[in-house]
Protein backbone atom coordinates (compact mmCIF):
# COMPACT_ATOMS: atom_id res chain seq x y z
CA UNK A 1 64.82 90.51 87.88
CA UNK A 2 67.79 92.49 88.66
CA UNK A 3 69.88 94.98 86.74
CA UNK A 4 74.06 95.11 86.46
CA UNK A 5 75.69 96.05 89.72
CA UNK A 6 78.41 99.27 88.36
CA UNK A 7 80.70 96.51 88.67
CA UNK A 8 79.23 94.01 86.28
CA UNK A 9 78.55 96.95 84.09
CA UNK A 10 82.26 97.70 83.89
CA UNK A 11 83.21 94.41 82.52
CA UNK A 12 83.83 93.57 79.09
CA UNK A 13 81.38 91.19 77.07
CA UNK A 14 83.28 89.16 74.71
CA UNK A 15 83.14 90.03 70.97
CA UNK A 16 81.41 87.11 70.02
CA UNK A 17 78.58 87.49 72.59
CA UNK A 18 78.52 91.41 71.09
CA UNK A 19 77.98 89.73 67.57
CA UNK A 20 74.73 88.01 68.90
CA UNK A 21 73.39 90.71 70.58
CA UNK A 22 71.25 92.24 67.88
CA UNK A 23 70.20 88.54 66.93
CA UNK A 24 68.44 88.40 70.25
CA UNK A 25 66.98 91.79 69.96
CA UNK A 26 65.73 91.14 66.22
CA UNK A 27 64.08 87.71 67.75
CA UNK A 28 62.68 89.76 70.62
CA UNK A 29 61.07 92.66 68.37
CA UNK A 30 59.59 89.48 66.38
CA UNK A 31 58.29 88.14 69.47
CA UNK A 32 57.09 91.07 70.69
CA UNK A 33 55.34 92.18 67.57
CA UNK A 34 53.50 88.74 67.71
CA UNK A 35 51.99 89.52 71.35
CA UNK A 36 54.40 87.59 73.49
CA UNK A 37 54.66 88.40 76.75
CA UNK A 38 57.42 85.95 78.01
CA UNK A 39 59.30 83.35 76.64
CA UNK A 40 61.48 80.57 77.49
CA UNK A 41 65.14 80.67 76.97
CA UNK A 42 64.46 77.60 74.76
CA UNK A 43 62.43 79.41 72.55
CA UNK A 44 64.37 82.88 72.59
CA UNK A 45 67.48 80.45 71.76
CA UNK A 46 65.21 78.47 68.82
CA UNK A 47 63.77 82.39 67.21
CA UNK A 48 67.63 83.36 67.56
CA UNK A 49 69.14 80.06 66.00
CA UNK A 50 71.30 79.62 68.76
CA UNK A 51 71.54 77.01 71.51
CA UNK A 52 70.00 77.62 74.73
CA UNK A 53 73.02 77.19 76.98
CA UNK A 54 75.07 80.19 74.67
CA UNK A 55 72.11 82.38 74.81
CA UNK A 56 72.27 81.84 78.58
CA UNK A 57 76.06 82.07 78.72
CA UNK A 58 75.12 85.47 76.74
CA UNK A 59 72.83 87.11 78.61
CA UNK A 60 74.57 86.59 81.89
CA UNK A 61 76.80 89.01 80.64
CA UNK A 62 74.00 91.69 81.04
CA UNK A 63 72.79 90.44 84.19
CA UNK A 64 69.84 88.13 85.81
CA UNK A 65 66.92 89.32 83.89
CA UNK A 66 65.24 86.05 83.67
CA UNK A 67 63.07 84.36 86.22
CA UNK A 68 62.89 80.59 86.91
CA UNK A 69 60.08 78.61 85.80
CA UNK A 70 58.73 81.63 84.13
CA UNK A 71 61.40 82.87 81.51
CA UNK A 72 62.20 86.23 80.12
CA UNK A 73 60.01 89.09 80.10
CA UNK A 74 60.05 90.04 76.44
CA UNK A 75 59.88 93.85 76.18
CA UNK A 76 62.09 94.21 79.21
CA UNK A 77 64.93 92.19 78.15
CA UNK A 78 64.05 94.00 74.88
CA UNK A 79 64.79 97.24 75.86
CA UNK A 80 67.86 95.93 78.20
CA UNK A 81 69.72 94.71 75.21
CA UNK A 82 68.65 97.79 73.30
CA UNK A 83 70.50 99.61 75.75
CA UNK A 84 73.24 97.82 76.09
CA UNK A 85 73.99 97.86 72.45
CA UNK A 86 73.06 101.42 71.90
CA UNK A 87 70.03 102.01 69.98
CA UNK A 88 67.85 103.12 72.70
CA UNK A 89 69.06 106.54 71.54
CA UNK A 90 69.29 108.17 67.87
CA UNK A 91 72.63 107.72 65.87
CA UNK A 92 73.53 109.94 62.96
CA UNK A 93 74.76 107.94 60.37
CA UNK A 94 76.32 109.39 56.95
CA UNK A 95 76.57 106.77 53.74
CA UNK A 96 79.69 107.83 51.08
CA UNK A 97 79.43 105.97 47.53
CA UNK A 98 75.68 106.62 46.28
CA UNK A 99 76.12 103.67 43.51
CA UNK A 100 73.52 100.68 43.57
CA UNK A 101 74.77 99.51 46.55
CA UNK A 102 74.36 102.95 48.45
CA UNK A 103 71.51 103.64 47.26
CA UNK A 104 69.62 99.90 48.53
CA UNK A 105 71.48 101.18 51.83
CA UNK A 106 69.59 104.86 52.01
CA UNK A 107 66.30 103.22 51.25
CA UNK A 108 66.63 100.17 53.91
CA UNK A 109 64.01 100.79 56.22
CA UNK A 110 65.41 98.72 59.39
CA UNK A 111 68.28 101.54 59.85
CA UNK A 112 65.59 103.86 61.15
CA UNK A 113 63.88 101.42 63.47
CA UNK A 114 66.95 100.18 64.94
CA UNK A 115 68.04 103.01 66.21
CA UNK A 116 70.05 104.70 62.98
CA UNK A 117 68.95 108.02 61.12
CA UNK A 118 70.61 109.00 57.75
CA UNK A 119 71.67 112.50 57.92
CA UNK A 120 73.71 112.62 54.84
CA UNK A 121 74.44 110.98 51.46
CA UNK A 122 77.74 111.83 49.97
CA UNK A 123 79.29 110.95 46.85
CA UNK A 124 82.49 112.56 44.47
CA UNK A 125 80.85 112.35 41.24
CA UNK A 126 79.22 115.69 40.62
CA UNK A 127 76.57 113.91 38.22
CA UNK A 128 74.81 112.48 41.19
CA UNK A 129 75.10 115.68 43.51
CA UNK A 130 71.08 117.20 43.67
CA UNK A 131 70.09 113.52 43.15
CA UNK A 132 67.08 112.81 45.58
CA UNK A 133 67.21 109.29 47.32
CA UNK A 134 65.01 108.22 49.73
CA UNK A 135 64.24 111.59 50.49
CA UNK A 136 67.80 112.88 51.08
CA UNK A 137 69.03 115.01 48.68
CA UNK A 138 73.04 113.65 47.34
CA UNK A 139 75.89 116.17 48.70
CA UNK A 140 79.39 116.27 47.39
CA UNK A 141 81.94 114.20 49.26
CA UNK A 142 83.55 117.37 50.27
CA UNK A 143 80.92 118.24 52.68
CA UNK A 144 81.95 115.56 54.77
CA UNK A 145 83.96 117.77 57.37
CA UNK A 146 80.95 120.21 57.73
CA UNK A 147 78.38 117.50 58.19
CA UNK A 148 80.23 115.65 60.47
CA UNK A 149 80.64 118.39 62.55
CA UNK A 150 76.97 119.44 62.01
CA UNK A 151 75.17 116.28 63.04
CA UNK A 152 78.03 115.14 65.47
CA UNK A 153 78.22 111.86 63.26
CA UNK A 154 80.52 109.03 64.82
CA UNK A 155 79.33 106.34 62.30
CA UNK A 156 80.38 106.31 58.74
CA UNK A 157 79.46 103.83 55.93
CA UNK A 158 81.24 103.32 53.15
CA UNK A 159 79.81 101.66 49.88
CA UNK A 160 82.47 102.95 47.32
CA UNK A 161 84.65 101.18 44.67
CA UNK A 162 87.44 99.38 46.49
CA UNK A 163 89.99 101.76 44.81
CA UNK A 164 88.68 104.99 46.72
CA UNK A 165 88.10 103.23 50.14
CA UNK A 166 91.05 104.02 52.19
CA UNK A 167 90.66 107.55 50.91
CA UNK A 168 87.17 107.54 52.06
CA UNK A 169 87.96 106.27 55.41
CA UNK A 170 90.95 108.48 56.13
CA UNK A 171 88.88 111.55 55.52
CA UNK A 172 86.13 109.92 57.96
CA UNK A 173 88.64 109.69 60.47
CA UNK A 174 90.32 112.71 60.51
CA UNK A 175 87.32 114.51 61.14
CA UNK A 176 85.95 112.76 63.97
CA UNK A 177 84.47 109.28 62.48
CA UNK A 178 85.25 106.85 64.75
CA UNK A 179 83.05 103.70 63.74
CA UNK A 180 82.90 102.38 59.77
CA UNK A 181 80.82 99.79 58.19
CA UNK A 182 82.36 99.02 55.44
CA UNK A 183 81.50 97.68 52.11
CA UNK A 184 84.56 98.12 49.64
CA UNK A 185 86.54 95.58 48.84
CA UNK A 186 89.55 95.32 51.13
CA UNK A 187 90.43 95.84 54.07
CA UNK A 188 90.90 99.07 55.76
CA UNK A 189 93.91 100.71 57.96
CA UNK A 190 92.79 102.68 60.83
CA UNK A 191 94.14 103.87 63.93
CA UNK A 192 93.84 102.31 67.27
CA UNK A 193 90.04 103.73 68.82
CA UNK A 194 88.35 103.60 65.32
CA UNK A 195 86.40 100.10 64.73
CA UNK A 196 85.43 98.82 61.59
CA UNK A 197 82.98 96.27 61.04
CA UNK A 198 83.66 94.84 57.11
CA UNK A 199 80.57 93.74 54.85
CA UNK A 200 82.08 91.01 51.97
CA UNK A 201 78.77 89.74 50.11
CA UNK A 202 80.92 87.89 47.71
CA UNK A 203 82.52 86.33 50.70
CA UNK A 204 79.64 85.41 51.77
CA UNK A 205 78.21 83.68 48.46
CA UNK A 206 81.20 81.61 48.55
CA UNK A 207 81.26 80.04 51.94
CA UNK A 208 77.82 79.28 50.63
CA UNK A 209 79.30 77.85 47.54
CA UNK A 210 81.54 75.71 49.78
CA UNK A 211 78.65 73.96 51.66
CA UNK A 212 76.90 73.35 48.32
CA UNK A 213 79.89 71.95 46.96
CA UNK A 214 80.10 69.47 50.12
CA UNK A 215 76.61 68.48 49.71
CA UNK A 216 77.00 67.70 46.03
CA UNK A 217 80.29 65.21 46.88
CA UNK A 218 78.36 63.88 49.90
CA UNK A 219 75.40 63.01 47.53
CA UNK A 220 77.98 61.40 45.15
CA UNK A 221 79.92 59.40 47.45
């Protein structure tokens, strides 16, 4: 097994590959917890829900971590992918908007196990201030700047109503947050250098509804 050279490290990884790396990491974690020491590309691809050719292509951007006839060392590849996507370190995160969705996100144990530490829960509603959620006290949104400065926060989560999302994003960007996970409806406008990932549950459900409709039409044909 060989790690990447400095030239390879500098090479950009396609966005589609980056999006699949966490899926591979989750599959490897499951295999490791089940006591699997090595696995073939076919087995890993099946666990991740992709075809093996795509998986091998994706992993080629990281380096040569497989051994012909043996496969991948599960724990070693797991570490290399975790390092590549930056979750071998601890990332402080703030969540803004502590309604039902914000509560659910604050209580999600997967953040901590995957390298993300929620350092603050913020809400503009004074009625929520002082409320304890997942062991963290809800603070005023006006505390955002001081919290970001104190904890070195680079990642913010927006779980507010859509009408407030752009103003929240503007405040996040102004105080130094450069990556935003947005659960609010609508599209955020942010300057260059700020990354936004949008999670729209209604859109995902509509896609599923489309497929269900197609299935029903096929059964009737």
